[in-house]
Protein backbone atom coordinates (compact mmCIF):
# COMPACT_ATOMS: atom_id res chain seq x y z
CA MET A 1 106.71 93.74 108.15
CA GLU A 2 106.07 96.00 105.16
CA HIS A 3 103.11 93.81 104.17
CA LYS A 4 101.46 94.50 107.53
CA GLU A 5 101.75 98.29 107.15
CA LEU A 6 100.59 98.29 103.53
CA LYS A 7 97.66 96.01 104.33
CA ARG A 8 96.62 98.58 106.93
CA VAL A 9 96.78 101.32 104.29
CA ILE A 10 94.77 99.27 101.78
CA SER A 11 92.07 98.62 104.39
CA TYR A 12 92.01 102.33 105.27
CA ILE A 13 91.59 103.27 101.59
CA GLU A 14 88.72 100.78 101.17
CA GLU A 15 86.98 102.16 104.24
CA HIS A 16 87.18 105.72 102.86
CA LEU A 17 86.73 105.02 99.15
CA LYS A 18 83.58 107.16 99.06
CA ASP A 19 85.03 109.97 101.18
CA ASP A 20 86.13 112.92 99.03
CA ARG A 21 87.01 115.27 101.90
CA ARG A 22 90.37 116.98 101.59
CA GLY A 23 93.15 115.23 103.46
CA ILE A 24 91.37 111.89 103.93
CA LEU A 25 93.15 109.97 101.15
CA ASP A 26 96.11 112.16 100.31
CA ASN A 27 99.66 110.82 100.39
CA GLU A 28 100.52 112.55 103.65
CA THR A 29 97.63 110.89 105.48
CA LEU A 30 98.27 107.46 103.94
CA ALA A 31 101.95 107.66 104.82
CA ARG A 32 100.99 108.45 108.42
CA VAL A 33 98.67 105.42 108.48
CA ALA A 34 101.58 103.27 107.27
CA GLY A 35 104.01 104.84 109.70
CA TYR A 36 106.51 105.89 107.02
CA SER A 37 107.75 109.13 105.53
CA GLU A 38 105.69 110.28 102.57
CA TYR A 39 108.59 109.79 100.14
CA TYR A 40 109.34 106.24 101.30
CA PHE A 41 105.65 105.31 101.47
CA ILE A 42 104.96 106.30 97.84
CA ARG A 43 107.97 104.32 96.61
CA LEU A 44 107.02 101.30 98.71
CA PHE A 45 103.35 101.37 97.72
CA SER A 46 104.16 101.68 94.01
CA SER A 47 106.68 98.83 94.10
CA TYR A 48 104.15 96.43 95.65
CA VAL A 49 100.88 97.49 94.06
CA GLY A 50 102.21 98.54 90.65
CA CYS A 51 100.78 102.06 90.66
CA THR A 52 100.82 105.18 92.83
CA PRO A 53 98.35 105.55 95.73
CA ALA A 54 96.39 108.17 93.74
CA ASP A 55 96.15 105.87 90.71
CA TYR A 56 95.07 102.97 92.90
CA ILE A 57 92.31 105.02 94.50
CA ARG A 58 91.11 106.25 91.10
CA LYS A 59 91.08 102.73 89.62
CA ARG A 60 89.27 101.29 92.64
CA ARG A 61 86.63 104.02 92.57
CA ILE A 62 86.02 103.58 88.85
CA SER A 63 85.80 99.80 89.31
CA GLU A 64 83.14 100.07 91.99
CA ILE A 65 81.22 102.57 89.88
CA VAL A 66 81.31 100.14 86.94
CA ARG A 67 79.73 97.45 89.10
CA LEU A 68 76.91 99.80 90.06
CA ILE A 69 76.39 101.11 86.52
CA ALA A 70 75.64 97.56 85.42
CA SER A 71 73.01 96.95 88.10
CA ASP A 72 71.78 100.33 89.40
CA SER A 73 69.08 102.35 87.67
CA ARG A 74 70.33 105.65 89.07
CA PRO A 75 71.94 108.19 86.72
CA ILE A 76 75.62 107.51 86.17
CA SER A 77 76.49 110.98 87.47
CA ASP A 78 74.82 110.19 90.82
CA ILE A 79 76.85 107.00 91.21
CA ALA A 80 80.07 108.80 90.27
CA PHE A 81 79.35 111.57 92.80
CA GLU A 82 78.89 108.92 95.50
CA TYR A 83 82.49 107.82 94.88
CA GLY A 84 84.09 111.23 95.07
CA PHE A 85 83.90 112.55 91.50
CA ASN A 86 82.68 116.12 91.86
CA SER A 87 81.40 116.44 88.29
CA LYS A 88 80.12 114.29 85.46
CA GLU A 89 82.84 115.68 83.20
CA ASN A 90 85.65 114.67 85.59
CA PHE A 91 84.30 111.15 85.88
CA THR A 92 83.74 110.77 82.13
CA ARG A 93 87.29 111.93 81.45
CA ALA A 94 88.74 109.50 84.04
CA PHE A 95 86.60 106.60 82.80
CA LYS A 96 87.57 107.12 79.17
CA SER A 97 91.23 107.41 80.08
CA GLU A 98 90.98 104.09 81.91
CA HIS A 99 88.85 102.11 79.44
CA ASN A 100 88.88 104.01 76.11
CA ILE A 101 85.08 104.21 75.94
CA LEU A 102 82.46 106.42 77.54
CA PRO A 103 80.43 105.22 80.55
CA THR A 104 77.26 105.37 78.45
CA GLU A 105 78.90 103.19 75.80
CA PHE A 106 79.79 100.60 78.42
CA LYS A 107 76.24 100.51 79.71
CA ARG A 108 74.86 100.14 76.17
CA ALA A 109 77.35 97.55 74.90
CA ASN A 110 77.69 95.67 78.24
CA CYS A 111 81.28 94.77 77.33
CA SER A 112 84.01 93.44 79.59
CA LEU A 113 86.19 95.89 81.47
CA ARG A 114 89.27 95.25 83.53
CA LEU A 115 88.35 96.02 87.12
CA TYR A 116 90.85 96.64 89.90
CA GLU A 117 89.92 94.66 92.98
CA LYS A 118 91.13 95.45 96.47
CA TYR A 119 94.84 94.68 96.37
CA ASP A 120 95.62 91.22 97.70
CA PHE A 121 99.15 90.44 98.86
CA GLY A 122 98.54 86.77 98.26
CA THR A 123 99.01 85.18 94.84
CA LYS A 124 96.18 83.68 92.82
CA GLU A 125 96.83 80.66 90.63
CA TYR A 126 95.03 80.38 87.30
CA HIS A 127 95.15 77.06 85.49
CA PRO A 128 93.50 77.17 82.07
CA GLU A 129 92.60 74.01 80.20
CA VAL A 130 95.40 73.35 77.70
CA TYR A 131 95.43 71.20 74.59
CA LEU A 132 97.36 70.98 71.33
CA ARG A 133 95.68 71.42 67.97
CA TYR A 134 96.88 71.27 64.41
CA ILE A 135 95.01 74.07 62.62
CA GLN A 136 94.42 74.27 58.89
CA ALA A 137 95.15 77.51 57.04
CA PHE A 138 92.46 80.21 57.39
CA SER A 139 91.98 83.98 57.12
CA LEU A 140 90.47 86.67 59.32
CA VAL A 141 89.06 90.05 58.28
CA MET A 142 90.18 92.50 60.96
CA TYR A 143 90.34 96.11 62.04
CA PRO A 144 93.89 97.26 62.87
CA PHE A 145 94.25 98.79 66.35
CA GLY A 146 98.00 99.38 66.19
CA ASN A 147 99.66 99.16 69.59
CA GLU A 148 96.56 100.09 71.57
CA TYR A 149 96.18 98.18 74.84
CA PRO A 150 94.08 95.11 73.80
CA PRO A 151 91.31 95.47 76.46
CA LYS A 152 90.78 99.08 75.36
CA ALA A 153 90.72 97.99 71.71
CA TRP A 154 88.02 95.44 72.51
CA ASN A 155 86.03 98.06 74.40
CA ARG A 156 86.00 100.24 71.28
CA TYR A 157 85.25 97.28 68.98
CA ASN A 158 82.26 96.22 71.11
CA ALA A 159 80.95 99.73 71.75
CA ASP A 160 80.95 100.46 68.01
CA ARG A 161 79.21 97.11 67.25
CA CYS A 162 81.94 96.26 64.78
CA SER A 163 81.21 92.53 64.80
CA GLY A 164 77.70 93.07 63.45
CA LYS A 165 78.97 95.48 60.82
CA LEU A 166 81.45 92.95 59.52
CA SER A 167 79.06 89.98 59.60
CA GLY A 168 76.03 91.74 58.16
CA GLY A 169 74.18 91.47 61.47
CA ASN A 170 74.87 87.80 62.20
CA ASP A 171 76.12 86.48 65.54
CA VAL A 172 79.64 85.21 64.90
CA GLU A 173 82.79 84.44 66.82
CA ASP A 174 85.20 87.37 67.25
CA TYR A 175 88.97 87.09 67.13
CA GLY A 176 91.93 89.13 68.25
CA ALA A 177 95.30 88.66 66.55
CA MET A 178 98.65 90.02 67.64
CA ILE A 179 102.24 90.10 66.49
CA TRP A 180 105.34 91.88 67.72
CA ASN A 181 106.40 94.75 65.45
CA THR A 182 110.20 94.58 65.59
CA GLU A 183 110.66 97.90 63.79
CA LYS A 184 108.50 99.83 66.25
CA GLY A 185 109.29 97.65 69.26
CA LYS A 186 105.56 97.36 70.03
CA LEU A 187 102.68 94.92 69.71
CA ASP A 188 100.39 95.26 66.67
CA TYR A 189 96.83 94.22 67.52
CA TYR A 190 93.83 93.41 65.29
CA ILE A 191 90.19 92.45 65.93
CA GLY A 192 87.71 90.92 63.52
CA ILE A 193 85.95 87.79 62.31
CA ALA A 194 86.54 84.83 60.00
CA GLU A 195 86.75 85.80 56.32
CA SER A 196 84.06 83.22 55.50
CA GLU A 197 81.60 85.06 57.78
CA ALA A 198 82.45 88.61 56.67
CA LEU A 199 79.23 89.29 54.74
CA GLY A 200 78.81 92.95 55.73
CA ASP A 201 80.78 96.18 55.48
CA ILE A 202 84.52 95.36 55.58
CA SER A 203 85.81 98.84 54.80
CA GLY A 204 88.79 99.82 56.93
CA THR A 205 89.82 96.21 57.52
CA VAL A 206 92.80 94.11 56.53
CA LYS A 207 92.97 90.38 55.79
CA ILE A 208 95.32 88.36 57.96
CA SER A 209 96.13 84.86 56.77
CA PHE A 210 97.33 82.02 58.97
CA THR A 211 99.25 79.05 57.60
CA ASP A 212 98.49 75.59 58.92
CA GLY A 213 100.52 74.48 61.89
CA LEU A 214 100.63 73.27 65.48
CA TYR A 215 99.14 75.48 68.19
CA ALA A 216 98.77 75.26 71.95
CA VAL A 217 95.22 76.25 72.90
CA PHE A 218 94.54 77.71 76.35
CA GLU A 219 90.91 77.98 77.43
CA THR A 220 90.30 80.27 80.39
CA VAL A 221 87.98 79.41 83.24
CA PRO A 222 84.46 80.88 82.87
CA SER A 223 84.23 84.27 84.56
CA THR A 224 82.03 87.31 84.91
CA GLN A 225 82.44 90.44 82.82
CA TYR A 226 84.13 92.04 85.83
CA ASP A 227 87.05 89.63 86.33
CA PHE A 228 87.34 88.45 82.71
CA VAL A 229 90.15 90.80 81.69
CA GLU A 230 92.19 90.02 84.79
CA ILE A 231 91.89 86.28 84.17
CA ILE A 232 93.06 86.77 80.57
CA ARG A 233 96.07 88.75 81.78
CA ASN A 234 97.01 86.02 84.25
CA THR A 235 96.53 83.33 81.60
CA TRP A 236 99.05 85.05 79.31
CA LYS A 237 101.45 85.25 82.25
CA TYR A 238 100.97 81.51 82.88
CA ILE A 239 101.64 80.68 79.21
CA TYR A 240 105.02 82.40 79.07
CA SER A 241 106.26 81.97 82.64
CA THR A 242 105.12 78.39 83.26
CA TRP A 243 103.64 76.37 80.40
CA LEU A 244 106.06 77.04 77.53
CA PRO A 245 109.24 76.65 79.62
CA GLN A 246 108.00 73.39 81.19
CA ASN A 247 106.64 71.59 78.13
CA GLY A 248 109.47 71.44 75.58
CA PHE A 249 108.05 74.07 73.24
CA ARG A 250 108.82 77.61 72.28
CA ARG A 251 106.60 80.13 70.57
CA GLY A 252 106.57 79.62 66.80
CA GLU A 253 106.62 82.31 64.15
CA GLY A 254 103.57 84.30 63.09
CA TYR A 255 100.50 85.61 64.84
CA GLU A 256 99.05 84.55 68.14
CA PHE A 257 95.28 84.85 68.20
CA GLU A 258 92.38 84.60 70.61
CA SER A 259 88.64 84.05 70.37
CA TYR A 260 85.91 84.96 72.82
CA LEU A 261 82.97 82.92 74.02
CA GLU A 262 79.91 83.93 76.03
CA SER A 263 77.32 81.65 77.57
CA ASP A 264 74.68 82.66 80.12
CA LYS A 265 76.65 85.81 81.02
CA LYS A 266 79.79 83.76 81.63
CA TYR A 267 82.82 84.75 79.60
CA SER A 268 85.78 82.67 78.50
CA GLU A 269 88.53 82.90 75.94
CA ARG A 270 90.65 80.57 73.86
CA ILE A 271 94.23 81.70 73.28
CA TYR A 272 96.13 80.11 70.38
CA VAL A 273 99.93 80.18 70.45
CA PRO A 274 101.95 78.83 67.47
CA LEU A 275 104.48 76.24 68.56
CA GLU A 276 107.92 74.97 67.69
CA ILE A 277 109.50 71.97 69.40
CA VAL A 278 112.67 72.94 71.24
CA LYS A 279 115.65 71.25 69.63
CA GLY A 280 116.57 68.11 71.52
CA GLU A 281 112.99 67.57 72.79
CA GLU A 282 111.59 65.89 69.64
CA ASN A 283 111.84 62.43 71.14
CA GLY A 284 110.53 63.46 74.57
């Protein structure tokens, strides 16, 4: 029953996404659409959708603006105003908070951003191509991004044209590497290129070396720049919730890493996870 009421609210929000009049999309009105008290509605909405109604509305508006920025020749401020942002400064602040780059940087770099689609109460299944590979030792030259959310780190890396700086202007494959920092209780994330291709300015980087070993490689389905980040997120979920538990492996020691591919405006990623055979599974 709750699904029915929340679906009605989601549809109402989508219908009024461009309406910035006071009282149209506030919690009181949305609770009335759902038929619940305001307090219960906010708790219910957040538990299902994963964010508050206000955050959902902000993310949806920014996502639709991003789509238009990529294809519309109008000034960014005009597009933002159409979706309820009453000033360029307010929109720029919200956009940077969401994606860690400025709207103008996104338009220039044409990088991938995580967009929030209309919430769907159904579940989507993502099945990447999976294969095992024994990888020889290699090294990457990488910028440290600490525990910054990886999509935001990539936004900054792409907007600053870091790949070209490292390679000396050559087109090369980019990598992200990650490892859990047990002391800080957070993920440490790095982005860069192969050491053999680092022919440019490598100041501010660190070298990360990988020993040879067995990896599971997960290749995501080709996607657009708009759903790329969401597909990556679901692929990671699939790796740890489904593939590893069902295939007699556990994650090995060391770094996980990922590489990005682009072909004819279609984006895909390969995720490499170090493996250990679970004891007792060696003989199948």
